[in-house]
Structures are given as C-alpha cells and as structure tokens.
Amino acid sequence: MKKNRPAYKLSVIYKAEDEEAIEDIIFTQTTSIGVRKFDLDRTVLDREIIKISYKGKDYLAKQVSYKDKIFTYPEYESAKTLAKDQNISLKEAYDILKSL
C-alpha cells in the first residue's frame, strides 16, 4: 500500500438491502476509511438434485446441463460418507460418484 504499509483486502458479497449494515460493520470494526463498491452479475445453471446408487447405497449429486452437455457434481457430504464407508480418499469417492 501507500508508503509500503501492509494492507489486507476484505471482500464482501451481500444483498443490496444489506449494504448499510455491511458498511456499519466495516467502519466500526476495522480501521477502514473507505469502501469500493461494484455490482456483479452471475450466471447460474439450472440444477437438479439426483440420487446416485453405488454398492446398494444412495448418494446425492447436483446435475446441470450446459450446451447439450450434462455435468454431475457429487455433494460433499455424500462423497465424504462414501470415502468413510469404503475407506478411500475423498478424491477417489468424488471420482467414483462422478463416473456413475
């Protein structure tokens, strides 16, 4: 920062109606004397929660489609449960669930 002073960057994503409350927190709980603000847009794919069966047990995943392609993203808790049940790594559990 200015004159080689150390600095921290605080980023906050909030709803427009919460702006004043967020600024109150920043100005009263930090040494900040200014806030930069800008609007963000977000594109969100339609999603559906599906059940995936593996070795007789059901696990949850989000399924989305984009440009005629379908993507499946296992839920963290489901992958964690599978990893624990099968005594495998979390990454291996994700890979198994994605492949079904």
PDB file of N, CA and C in Angstrom:
ATOM      1  N   MET A   1       0.835  -1.182   0.000  1.00  0.00           N
ATOM      2  CA  MET A   1       0.000   0.000   0.000  1.00  0.00           C
ATOM      3  C   MET A   1       0.882   1.248   0.000  1.00  0.00           C
ATOM      4  N   LYS A   2       0.257   2.355   0.199  1.00  0.00           N
ATOM      5  CA  LYS A   2       0.961   3.636   0.199  1.00  0.00           C
ATOM      6  C   LYS A   2       2.088   3.628   1.233  1.00  0.00           C
ATOM      7  N   LYS A   3       3.248   4.110   0.841  1.00  0.00           N
ATOM      8  CA  LYS A   3       4.436   4.190   1.702  1.00  0.00           C
ATOM      9  C   LYS A   3       4.844   2.821   2.253  1.00  0.00           C
ATOM     10  N   ASN A   4       4.616   1.775   1.450  1.00  0.00           N
ATOM     11  CA  ASN A   4       4.968   0.396   1.800  1.00  0.00           C
ATOM     12  C   ASN A   4       4.303  -0.116   3.085  1.00  0.00           C
ATOM     13  N   ARG A   5       3.152   0.438   3.416  1.00  0.00           N
ATOM     14  CA  ARG A   5       2.428  -0.042   4.588  1.00  0.00           C
ATOM     15  C   ARG A   5       1.755  -1.369   4.256  1.00  0.00           C
ATOM     16  N   PRO A   6       1.661  -2.261   5.233  1.00  0.00           N
ATOM     17  CA  PRO A   6       0.951  -3.528   4.995  1.00  0.00           C
ATOM     18  C   PRO A   6      -0.554  -3.266   4.865  1.00  0.00           C
ATOM     19  N   ALA A   7      -1.221  -4.130   4.163  1.00  0.00           N
ATOM     20  CA  ALA A   7      -2.664  -3.958   3.977  1.00  0.00           C
ATOM     21  C   ALA A   7      -3.339  -5.315   3.861  1.00  0.00           C
ATOM     22  N   TYR A   8      -4.631  -5.326   4.078  1.00  0.00           N
ATOM     23  CA  TYR A   8      -5.469  -6.507   3.908  1.00  0.00           C
ATOM     24  C   TYR A   8      -6.604  -6.141   2.971  1.00  0.00           C
ATOM     25  N   LYS A   9      -7.023  -7.111   2.196  1.00  0.00           N
ATOM     26  CA  LYS A   9      -8.158  -6.882   1.307  1.00  0.00           C
ATOM     27  C   LYS A   9      -9.353  -7.642   1.865  1.00  0.00           C
ATOM     28  N   LEU A  10     -10.432  -6.931   2.103  1.00  0.00           N
ATOM     29  CA  LEU A  10     -11.670  -7.532   2.586  1.00  0.00           C
ATOM     30  C   LEU A  10     -12.680  -7.480   1.458  1.00  0.00           C
ATOM     31  N   SER A  11     -13.179  -8.634   1.051  1.00  0.00           N
ATOM     32  CA  SER A  11     -14.204  -8.694   0.015  1.00  0.00           C
ATOM     33  C   SER A  11     -15.477  -9.231   0.644  1.00  0.00           C
ATOM     34  N   VAL A  12     -16.597  -8.569   0.356  1.00  0.00           N
ATOM     35  CA  VAL A  12     -17.877  -8.964   0.926  1.00  0.00           C
ATOM     36  C   VAL A  12     -18.897  -9.062  -0.194  1.00  0.00           C
ATOM     37  N   ILE A  13     -19.570 -10.171  -0.262  1.00  0.00           N
ATOM     38  CA  ILE A  13     -20.678 -10.329  -1.209  1.00  0.00           C
ATOM     39  C   ILE A  13     -21.951 -10.247  -0.379  1.00  0.00           C
ATOM     40  N   TYR A  14     -22.822  -9.321  -0.747  1.00  0.00           N
ATOM     41  CA  TYR A  14     -24.020  -9.110   0.055  1.00  0.00           C
ATOM     42  C   TYR A  14     -25.181  -8.694  -0.834  1.00  0.00           C
ATOM     43  N   LYS A  15     -26.375  -8.763  -0.271  1.00  0.00           N
ATOM     44  CA  LYS A  15     -27.568  -8.310  -0.965  1.00  0.00           C
ATOM     45  C   LYS A  15     -27.653  -6.793  -0.841  1.00  0.00           C
ATOM     46  N   ALA A  16     -28.195  -6.140  -1.853  1.00  0.00           N
ATOM     47  CA  ALA A  16     -28.261  -4.671  -1.883  1.00  0.00           C
ATOM     48  C   ALA A  16     -28.936  -4.107  -0.638  1.00  0.00           C
ATOM     49  N   GLU A  17     -29.955  -4.795  -0.147  1.00  0.00           N
ATOM     50  CA  GLU A  17     -30.675  -4.275   1.017  1.00  0.00           C
ATOM     51  C   GLU A  17     -29.842  -4.327   2.307  1.00  0.00           C
ATOM     52  N   ASP A  18     -28.713  -5.060   2.279  1.00  0.00           N
ATOM     53  CA  ASP A  18     -27.841  -5.159   3.454  1.00  0.00           C
ATOM     54  C   ASP A  18     -26.650  -4.198   3.401  1.00  0.00           C
ATOM     55  N   GLU A  19     -26.593  -3.370   2.372  1.00  0.00           N
ATOM     56  CA  GLU A  19     -25.423  -2.513   2.159  1.00  0.00           C
ATOM     57  C   GLU A  19     -25.102  -1.635   3.371  1.00  0.00           C
ATOM     58  N   GLU A  20     -26.083  -0.960   3.922  1.00  0.00           N
ATOM     59  CA  GLU A  20     -25.823  -0.065   5.051  1.00  0.00           C
ATOM     60  C   GLU A  20     -25.309  -0.839   6.265  1.00  0.00           C
ATOM     61  N   ALA A  21     -25.890  -1.995   6.537  1.00  0.00           N
ATOM     62  CA  ALA A  21     -25.449  -2.807   7.675  1.00  0.00           C
ATOM     63  C   ALA A  21     -24.012  -3.281   7.477  1.00  0.00           C
ATOM     64  N   ILE A  22     -23.662  -3.651   6.255  1.00  0.00           N
ATOM     65  CA  ILE A  22     -22.299  -4.098   5.962  1.00  0.00           C
ATOM     66  C   ILE A  22     -21.309  -2.951   6.155  1.00  0.00           C
ATOM     67  N   GLU A  23     -21.658  -1.770   5.653  1.00  0.00           N
ATOM     68  CA  GLU A  23     -20.785  -0.612   5.840  1.00  0.00           C
ATOM     69  C   GLU A  23     -20.637  -0.264   7.319  1.00  0.00           C
ATOM     70  N   ASP A  24     -21.715  -0.368   8.076  1.00  0.00           N
ATOM     71  CA  ASP A  24     -21.631  -0.121   9.524  1.00  0.00           C
ATOM     72  C   ASP A  24     -20.610  -1.043  10.169  1.00  0.00           C
ATOM     73  N   ILE A  25     -20.646  -2.304   9.808  1.00  0.00           N
ATOM     74  CA  ILE A  25     -19.702  -3.275  10.373  1.00  0.00           C
ATOM     75  C   ILE A  25     -18.272  -2.926   9.972  1.00  0.00           C
ATOM     76  N   ILE A  26     -18.066  -2.641   8.699  1.00  0.00           N
ATOM     77  CA  ILE A  26     -16.710  -2.341   8.212  1.00  0.00           C
ATOM     78  C   ILE A  26     -16.144  -1.096   8.891  1.00  0.00           C
ATOM     79  N   PHE A  27     -16.941  -0.030   8.948  1.00  0.00           N
ATOM     80  CA  PHE A  27     -16.423   1.226   9.502  1.00  0.00           C
ATOM     81  C   PHE A  27     -16.287   1.204  11.023  1.00  0.00           C
ATOM     82  N   THR A  28     -17.084   0.391  11.706  1.00  0.00           N
ATOM     83  CA  THR A  28     -16.974   0.358  13.169  1.00  0.00           C
ATOM     84  C   THR A  28     -16.036  -0.729  13.675  1.00  0.00           C
ATOM     85  N   GLN A  29     -15.804  -1.758  12.883  1.00  0.00           N
ATOM     86  CA  GLN A  29     -14.994  -2.885  13.357  1.00  0.00           C
ATOM     87  C   GLN A  29     -13.614  -2.969  12.714  1.00  0.00           C
ATOM     88  N   THR A  30     -13.314  -2.064  11.779  1.00  0.00           N
ATOM     89  CA  THR A  30     -11.995  -2.042  11.138  1.00  0.00           C
ATOM     90  C   THR A  30     -11.478  -0.610  11.136  1.00  0.00           C
ATOM     91  N   THR A  31     -10.264  -0.443  10.666  1.00  0.00           N
ATOM     92  CA  THR A  31      -9.701   0.913  10.549  1.00  0.00           C
ATOM     93  C   THR A  31      -9.937   1.507   9.165  1.00  0.00           C
ATOM     94  N   SER A  32     -10.747   0.860   8.365  1.00  0.00           N
ATOM     95  CA  SER A  32     -11.010   1.324   7.005  1.00  0.00           C
ATOM     96  C   SER A  32     -11.696   2.688   7.017  1.00  0.00           C
ATOM     97  N   ILE A  33     -11.298   3.545   6.077  1.00  0.00           N
ATOM     98  CA  ILE A  33     -11.947   4.849   5.925  1.00  0.00           C
ATOM     99  C   ILE A  33     -12.584   5.005   4.545  1.00  0.00           C
ATOM    100  N   GLY A  34     -12.702   3.886   3.830  1.00  0.00           N
ATOM    101  CA  GLY A  34     -13.332   3.934   2.516  1.00  0.00           C
ATOM    102  C   GLY A  34     -13.698   2.546   2.034  1.00  0.00           C
ATOM    103  N   VAL A  35     -14.697   2.482   1.178  1.00  0.00           N
ATOM    104  CA  VAL A  35     -15.179   1.211   0.627  1.00  0.00           C
ATOM    105  C   VAL A  35     -15.390   1.385  -0.869  1.00  0.00           C
ATOM    106  N   ARG A  36     -14.839   0.479  -1.664  1.00  0.00           N
ATOM    107  CA  ARG A  36     -15.116   0.458  -3.101  1.00  0.00           C
ATOM    108  C   ARG A  36     -16.260  -0.523  -3.314  1.00  0.00           C
ATOM    109  N   LYS A  37     -17.224  -0.142  -4.141  1.00  0.00           N
ATOM    110  CA  LYS A  37     -18.384  -0.999  -4.386  1.00  0.00           C
ATOM    111  C   LYS A  37     -18.605  -1.146  -5.885  1.00  0.00           C
ATOM    112  N   PHE A  38     -19.012  -2.329  -6.273  1.00  0.00           N
ATOM    113  CA  PHE A  38     -19.419  -2.530  -7.654  1.00  0.00           C
ATOM    114  C   PHE A  38     -20.390  -3.690  -7.719  1.00  0.00           C
ATOM    115  N   ASP A  39     -21.254  -3.662  -8.717  1.00  0.00           N
ATOM    116  CA  ASP A  39     -22.247  -4.715  -8.911  1.00  0.00           C
ATOM    117  C   ASP A  39     -21.624  -5.879  -9.666  1.00  0.00           C
ATOM    118  N   LEU A  40     -22.053  -7.061  -9.319  1.00  0.00           N
ATOM    119  CA  LEU A  40     -21.618  -8.267 -10.015  1.00  0.00           C
ATOM    120  C   LEU A  40     -22.825  -8.961 -10.616  1.00  0.00           C
ATOM    121  N   ASP A  41     -22.628  -9.538 -11.760  1.00  0.00           N
ATOM    122  CA  ASP A  41     -23.647 -10.387 -12.362  1.00  0.00           C
ATOM    123  C   ASP A  41     -23.189 -11.823 -12.226  1.00  0.00           C
ATOM    124  N   ARG A  42     -24.124 -12.720 -12.205  1.00  0.00           N
ATOM    125  CA  ARG A  42     -23.805 -14.129 -12.056  1.00  0.00           C
ATOM    126  C   ARG A  42     -24.703 -14.938 -12.972  1.00  0.00           C
ATOM    127  N   THR A  43     -24.108 -15.849 -13.688  1.00  0.00           N
ATOM    128  CA  THR A  43     -24.870 -16.778 -14.496  1.00  0.00           C
ATOM    129  C   THR A  43     -24.947 -18.089 -13.731  1.00  0.00           C
ATOM    130  N   VAL A  44     -26.163 -18.572 -13.530  1.00  0.00           N
ATOM    131  CA  VAL A  44     -26.360 -19.795 -12.757  1.00  0.00           C
ATOM    132  C   VAL A  44     -27.057 -20.823 -13.633  1.00  0.00           C
ATOM    133  N   LEU A  45     -26.498 -22.001 -13.683  1.00  0.00           N
ATOM    134  CA  LEU A  45     -27.114 -23.082 -14.449  1.00  0.00           C
ATOM    135  C   LEU A  45     -28.260 -23.695 -13.655  1.00  0.00           C
ATOM    136  N   ASP A  46     -29.287 -24.120 -14.373  1.00  0.00           N
ATOM    137  CA  ASP A  46     -30.360 -24.861 -13.718  1.00  0.00           C
ATOM    138  C   ASP A  46     -29.772 -26.158 -13.176  1.00  0.00           C
ATOM    139  N   ARG A  47     -30.225 -26.537 -11.994  1.00  0.00           N
ATOM    140  CA  ARG A  47     -29.677 -27.744 -11.384  1.00  0.00           C
ATOM    141  C   ARG A  47     -30.787 -28.610 -10.840  1.00  0.00           C
ATOM    142  N   GLU A  48     -30.456 -29.860 -10.698  1.00  0.00           N
ATOM    143  CA  GLU A  48     -31.385 -30.834 -10.162  1.00  0.00           C
ATOM    144  C   GLU A  48     -30.593 -31.735  -9.217  1.00  0.00           C
ATOM    145  N   ILE A  49     -31.165 -32.008  -8.056  1.00  0.00           N
ATOM    146  CA  ILE A  49     -30.532 -32.936  -7.122  1.00  0.00           C
ATOM    147  C   ILE A  49     -30.960 -34.343  -7.533  1.00  0.00           C
ATOM    148  N   ILE A  50     -29.980 -35.198  -7.746  1.00  0.00           N
ATOM    149  CA  ILE A  50     -30.268 -36.576  -8.140  1.00  0.00           C
ATOM    150  C   ILE A  50     -29.656 -37.542  -7.123  1.00  0.00           C
ATOM    151  N   LYS A  51     -30.166 -38.757  -7.156  1.00  0.00           N
ATOM    152  CA  LYS A  51     -29.597 -39.817  -6.324  1.00  0.00           C
ATOM    153  C   LYS A  51     -28.750 -40.722  -7.204  1.00  0.00           C
ATOM    154  N   ILE A  52     -27.584 -41.068  -6.690  1.00  0.00           N
ATOM    155  CA  ILE A  52     -26.685 -41.975  -7.384  1.00  0.00           C
ATOM    156  C   ILE A  52     -26.538 -43.208  -6.504  1.00  0.00           C
ATOM    157  N   SER A  53     -26.780 -44.371  -7.056  1.00  0.00           N
ATOM    158  CA  SER A  53     -26.632 -45.604  -6.287  1.00  0.00           C
ATOM    159  C   SER A  53     -25.261 -46.216  -6.531  1.00  0.00           C
ATOM    160  N   TYR A  54     -24.635 -46.622  -5.435  1.00  0.00           N
ATOM    161  CA  TYR A  54     -23.333 -47.284  -5.517  1.00  0.00           C
ATOM    162  C   TYR A  54     -23.261 -48.314  -4.414  1.00  0.00           C
ATOM    163  N   LYS A  55     -23.073 -49.559  -4.818  1.00  0.00           N
ATOM    164  CA  LYS A  55     -22.996 -50.686  -3.885  1.00  0.00           C
ATOM    165  C   LYS A  55     -24.168 -50.698  -2.900  1.00  0.00           C
ATOM    166  N   GLY A  56     -25.375 -50.492  -3.465  1.00  0.00           N
ATOM    167  CA  GLY A  56     -26.594 -50.591  -2.676  1.00  0.00           C
ATOM    168  C   GLY A  56     -26.921 -49.394  -1.796  1.00  0.00           C
ATOM    169  N   LYS A  57     -26.172 -48.317  -1.904  1.00  0.00           N
ATOM    170  CA  LYS A  57     -26.432 -47.136  -1.093  1.00  0.00           C
ATOM    171  C   LYS A  57     -26.607 -45.923  -2.003  1.00  0.00           C
ATOM    172  N   ASP A  58     -27.520 -45.021  -1.624  1.00  0.00           N
ATOM    173  CA  ASP A  58     -27.782 -43.828  -2.425  1.00  0.00           C
ATOM    174  C   ASP A  58     -26.955 -42.640  -1.931  1.00  0.00           C
ATOM    175  N   TYR A  59     -26.451 -41.876  -2.896  1.00  0.00           N
ATOM    176  CA  TYR A  59     -25.678 -40.670  -2.618  1.00  0.00           C
ATOM    177  C   TYR A  59     -26.274 -39.537  -3.445  1.00  0.00           C
ATOM    178  N   LEU A  60     -26.129 -38.301  -2.972  1.00  0.00           N
ATOM    179  CA  LEU A  60     -26.713 -37.153  -3.661  1.00  0.00           C
ATOM    180  C   LEU A  60     -25.677 -36.421  -4.505  1.00  0.00           C
ATOM    181  N   ALA A  61     -26.163 -35.870  -5.619  1.00  0.00           N
ATOM    182  CA  ALA A  61     -25.311 -35.080  -6.508  1.00  0.00           C
ATOM    183  C   ALA A  61     -26.161 -34.022  -7.186  1.00  0.00           C
ATOM    184  N   LYS A  62     -25.506 -32.956  -7.640  1.00  0.00           N
ATOM    185  CA  LYS A  62     -26.178 -31.954  -8.458  1.00  0.00           C
ATOM    186  C   LYS A  62     -25.909 -32.309  -9.910  1.00  0.00           C
ATOM    187  N   GLN A  63     -26.948 -32.208 -10.717  1.00  0.00           N
ATOM    188  CA  GLN A  63     -26.783 -32.446 -12.148  1.00  0.00           C
ATOM    189  C   GLN A  63     -27.185 -31.175 -12.877  1.00  0.00           C
ATOM    190  N   VAL A  64     -26.298 -30.684 -13.739  1.00  0.00           N
ATOM    191  CA  VAL A  64     -26.556 -29.470 -14.506  1.00  0.00           C
ATOM    192  C   VAL A  64     -26.327 -29.763 -15.981  1.00  0.00           C
ATOM    193  N   SER A  65     -26.923 -28.938 -16.819  1.00  0.00           N
ATOM    194  CA  SER A  65     -26.661 -29.089 -18.251  1.00  0.00           C
ATOM    195  C   SER A  65     -26.269 -27.730 -18.803  1.00  0.00           C
ATOM    196  N   TYR A  66     -25.379 -27.792 -19.779  1.00  0.00           N
ATOM    197  CA  TYR A  66     -24.899 -26.583 -20.446  1.00  0.00           C
ATOM    198  C   TYR A  66     -24.548 -26.944 -21.881  1.00  0.00           C
ATOM    199  N   LYS A  67     -25.203 -26.271 -22.818  1.00  0.00           N
ATOM    200  CA  LYS A  67     -24.970 -26.504 -24.244  1.00  0.00           C
ATOM    201  C   LYS A  67     -25.018 -27.994 -24.581  1.00  0.00           C
ATOM    202  N   ASP A  68     -26.103 -28.616 -24.231  1.00  0.00           N
ATOM    203  CA  ASP A  68     -26.369 -30.027 -24.544  1.00  0.00           C
ATOM    204  C   ASP A  68     -25.394 -30.998 -23.884  1.00  0.00           C
ATOM    205  N   LYS A  69     -24.642 -30.554 -22.899  1.00  0.00           N
ATOM    206  CA  LYS A  69     -23.775 -31.451 -22.139  1.00  0.00           C
ATOM    207  C   LYS A  69     -24.292 -31.516 -20.716  1.00  0.00           C
ATOM    208  N   ILE A  70     -24.179 -32.686 -20.113  1.00  0.00           N
ATOM    209  CA  ILE A  70     -24.641 -32.885 -18.746  1.00  0.00           C
ATOM    210  C   ILE A  70     -23.431 -33.094 -17.846  1.00  0.00           C
ATOM    211  N   PHE A  71     -23.420 -32.379 -16.721  1.00  0.00           N
ATOM    212  CA  PHE A  71     -22.348 -32.483 -15.746  1.00  0.00           C
ATOM    213  C   PHE A  71     -22.941 -32.903 -14.407  1.00  0.00           C
ATOM    214  N   THR A  72     -22.261 -33.783 -13.722  1.00  0.00           N
ATOM    215  CA  THR A  72     -22.706 -34.251 -12.413  1.00  0.00           C
ATOM    216  C   THR A  72     -21.648 -33.907 -11.383  1.00  0.00           C
ATOM    217  N   TYR A  73     -22.095 -33.272 -10.298  1.00  0.00           N
ATOM    218  CA  TYR A  73     -21.196 -32.861  -9.225  1.00  0.00           C
ATOM    219  C   TYR A  73     -21.686 -33.449  -7.910  1.00  0.00           C
ATOM    220  N   PRO A  74     -20.974 -34.442  -7.385  1.00  0.00           N
ATOM    221  CA  PRO A  74     -21.394 -35.056  -6.126  1.00  0.00           C
ATOM    222  C   PRO A  74     -21.418 -34.039  -4.986  1.00  0.00           C
ATOM    223  N   GLU A  75     -22.362 -34.209  -4.088  1.00  0.00           N
ATOM    224  CA  GLU A  75     -22.420 -33.380  -2.892  1.00  0.00           C
ATOM    225  C   GLU A  75     -21.265 -33.772  -1.974  1.00  0.00           C
ATOM    226  N   TYR A  76     -20.681 -32.793  -1.324  1.00  0.00           N
ATOM    227  CA  TYR A  76     -19.534 -33.040  -0.447  1.00  0.00           C
ATOM    228  C   TYR A  76     -19.855 -34.087   0.610  1.00  0.00           C
ATOM    229  N   GLU A  77     -20.991 -33.938   1.292  1.00  0.00           N
ATOM    230  CA  GLU A  77     -21.333 -34.876   2.374  1.00  0.00           C
ATOM    231  C   GLU A  77     -21.488 -36.295   1.845  1.00  0.00           C
ATOM    232  N   SER A  78     -22.010 -36.450   0.645  1.00  0.00           N
ATOM    233  CA  SER A  78     -22.153 -37.783   0.055  1.00  0.00           C
ATOM    234  C   SER A  78     -20.784 -38.386  -0.248  1.00  0.00           C
ATOM    235  N   ALA A  79     -19.899 -37.584  -0.823  1.00  0.00           N
ATOM    236  CA  ALA A  79     -18.548 -38.073  -1.115  1.00  0.00           C
ATOM    237  C   ALA A  79     -17.813 -38.422   0.173  1.00  0.00           C
ATOM    238  N   LYS A  80     -17.994 -37.611   1.182  1.00  0.00           N
ATOM    239  CA  LYS A  80     -17.359 -37.858   2.485  1.00  0.00           C
ATOM    240  C   LYS A  80     -17.853 -39.174   3.085  1.00  0.00           C
ATOM    241  N   THR A  81     -19.157 -39.404   3.002  1.00  0.00           N
ATOM    242  CA  THR A  81     -19.732 -40.645   3.511  1.00  0.00           C
ATOM    243  C   THR A  81     -19.194 -41.852   2.750  1.00  0.00           C
ATOM    244  N   LEU A  82     -19.157 -41.760   1.412  1.00  0.00           N
ATOM    245  CA  LEU A  82     -18.631 -42.860   0.602  1.00  0.00           C
ATOM    246  C   LEU A  82     -17.167 -43.122   0.942  1.00  0.00           C
ATOM    247  N   ALA A  83     -16.389 -42.072   1.079  1.00  0.00           N
ATOM    248  CA  ALA A  83     -14.966 -42.231   1.408  1.00  0.00           C
ATOM    249  C   ALA A  83     -14.805 -42.967   2.734  1.00  0.00           C
ATOM    250  N   LYS A  84     -15.600 -42.587   3.699  1.00  0.00           N
ATOM    251  CA  LYS A  84     -15.531 -43.234   5.012  1.00  0.00           C
ATOM    252  C   LYS A  84     -16.001 -44.683   4.931  1.00  0.00           C
ATOM    253  N   ASP A  85     -17.136 -44.921   4.245  1.00  0.00           N
ATOM    254  CA  ASP A  85     -17.691 -46.274   4.120  1.00  0.00           C
ATOM    255  C   ASP A  85     -16.741 -47.231   3.411  1.00  0.00           C
ATOM    256  N   GLN A  86     -16.050 -46.737   2.380  1.00  0.00           N
ATOM    257  CA  GLN A  86     -15.192 -47.601   1.565  1.00  0.00           C
ATOM    258  C   GLN A  86     -13.716 -47.500   1.951  1.00  0.00           C
ATOM    259  N   ASN A  87     -13.413 -46.671   2.946  1.00  0.00           N
ATOM    260  CA  ASN A  87     -12.031 -46.461   3.397  1.00  0.00           C
ATOM    261  C   ASN A  87     -11.125 -46.040   2.233  1.00  0.00           C
ATOM    262  N   ILE A  88     -11.604 -44.999   1.508  1.00  0.00           N
ATOM    263  CA  ILE A  88     -10.854 -44.456   0.373  1.00  0.00           C
ATOM    264  C   ILE A  88     -10.717 -42.950   0.564  1.00  0.00           C
ATOM    265  N   SER A  89      -9.917 -42.309  -0.277  1.00  0.00           N
ATOM    266  CA  SER A  89      -9.744 -40.862  -0.171  1.00  0.00           C
ATOM    267  C   SER A  89     -10.997 -40.144  -0.669  1.00  0.00           C
ATOM    268  N   LEU A  90     -11.139 -38.899  -0.248  1.00  0.00           N
ATOM    269  CA  LEU A  90     -12.264 -38.086  -0.689  1.00  0.00           C
ATOM    270  C   LEU A  90     -12.235 -37.903  -2.205  1.00  0.00           C
ATOM    271  N   LYS A  91     -11.046 -37.720  -2.774  1.00  0.00           N
ATOM    272  CA  LYS A  91     -10.924 -37.572  -4.227  1.00  0.00           C
ATOM    273  C   LYS A  91     -11.392 -38.832  -4.948  1.00  0.00           C
ATOM    274  N   GLU A  92     -11.008 -39.993  -4.432  1.00  0.00           N
ATOM    275  CA  GLU A  92     -11.456 -41.244  -5.047  1.00  0.00           C
ATOM    276  C   GLU A  92     -12.973 -41.366  -4.982  1.00  0.00           C
ATOM    277  N   ALA A  93     -13.553 -40.953  -3.864  1.00  0.00           N
ATOM    278  CA  ALA A  93     -15.013 -41.010  -3.713  1.00  0.00           C
ATOM    279  C   ALA A  93     -15.685 -40.095  -4.732  1.00  0.00           C
ATOM    280  N   TYR A  94     -15.177 -38.860  -4.887  1.00  0.00           N
ATOM    281  CA  TYR A  94     -15.719 -37.948  -5.897  1.00  0.00           C
ATOM    282  C   TYR A  94     -15.629 -38.572  -7.282  1.00  0.00           C
ATOM    283  N   ASP A  95     -14.478 -39.148  -7.602  1.00  0.00           N
ATOM    284  CA  ASP A  95     -14.287 -39.739  -8.923  1.00  0.00           C
ATOM    285  C   ASP A  95     -15.277 -40.876  -9.172  1.00  0.00           C
ATOM    286  N   ILE A  96     -15.500 -41.703  -8.165  1.00  0.00           N
ATOM    287  CA  ILE A  96     -16.460 -42.813  -8.303  1.00  0.00           C
ATOM    288  C   ILE A  96     -17.851 -42.260  -8.568  1.00  0.00           C
ATOM    289  N   LEU A  97     -18.280 -41.303  -7.755  1.00  0.00           N
ATOM    290  CA  LEU A  97     -19.624 -40.774  -7.895  1.00  0.00           C
ATOM    291  C   LEU A  97     -19.819 -40.031  -9.219  1.00  0.00           C
ATOM    292  N   LYS A  98     -18.778 -39.346  -9.693  1.00  0.00           N
ATOM    293  CA  LYS A  98     -18.885 -38.640 -10.964  1.00  0.00           C
ATOM    294  C   LYS A  98     -18.988 -39.611 -12.142  1.00  0.00           C
ATOM    295  N   SER A  99     -18.408 -40.776 -11.986  1.00  0.00           N
ATOM    296  CA  SER A  99     -18.360 -41.718 -13.098  1.00  0.00           C
ATOM    297  C   SER A  99     -19.656 -42.525 -13.265  1.00  0.00           C
ATOM    298  N   LEU A 100     -20.533 -42.452 -12.286  1.00  0.00           N
ATOM    299  CA  LEU A 100     -21.766 -43.261 -12.349  1.00  0.00           C
ATOM    300  C   LEU A 100     -22.862 -42.587 -13.144  1.00  0.00           C
TER     301      LEU A 100
END
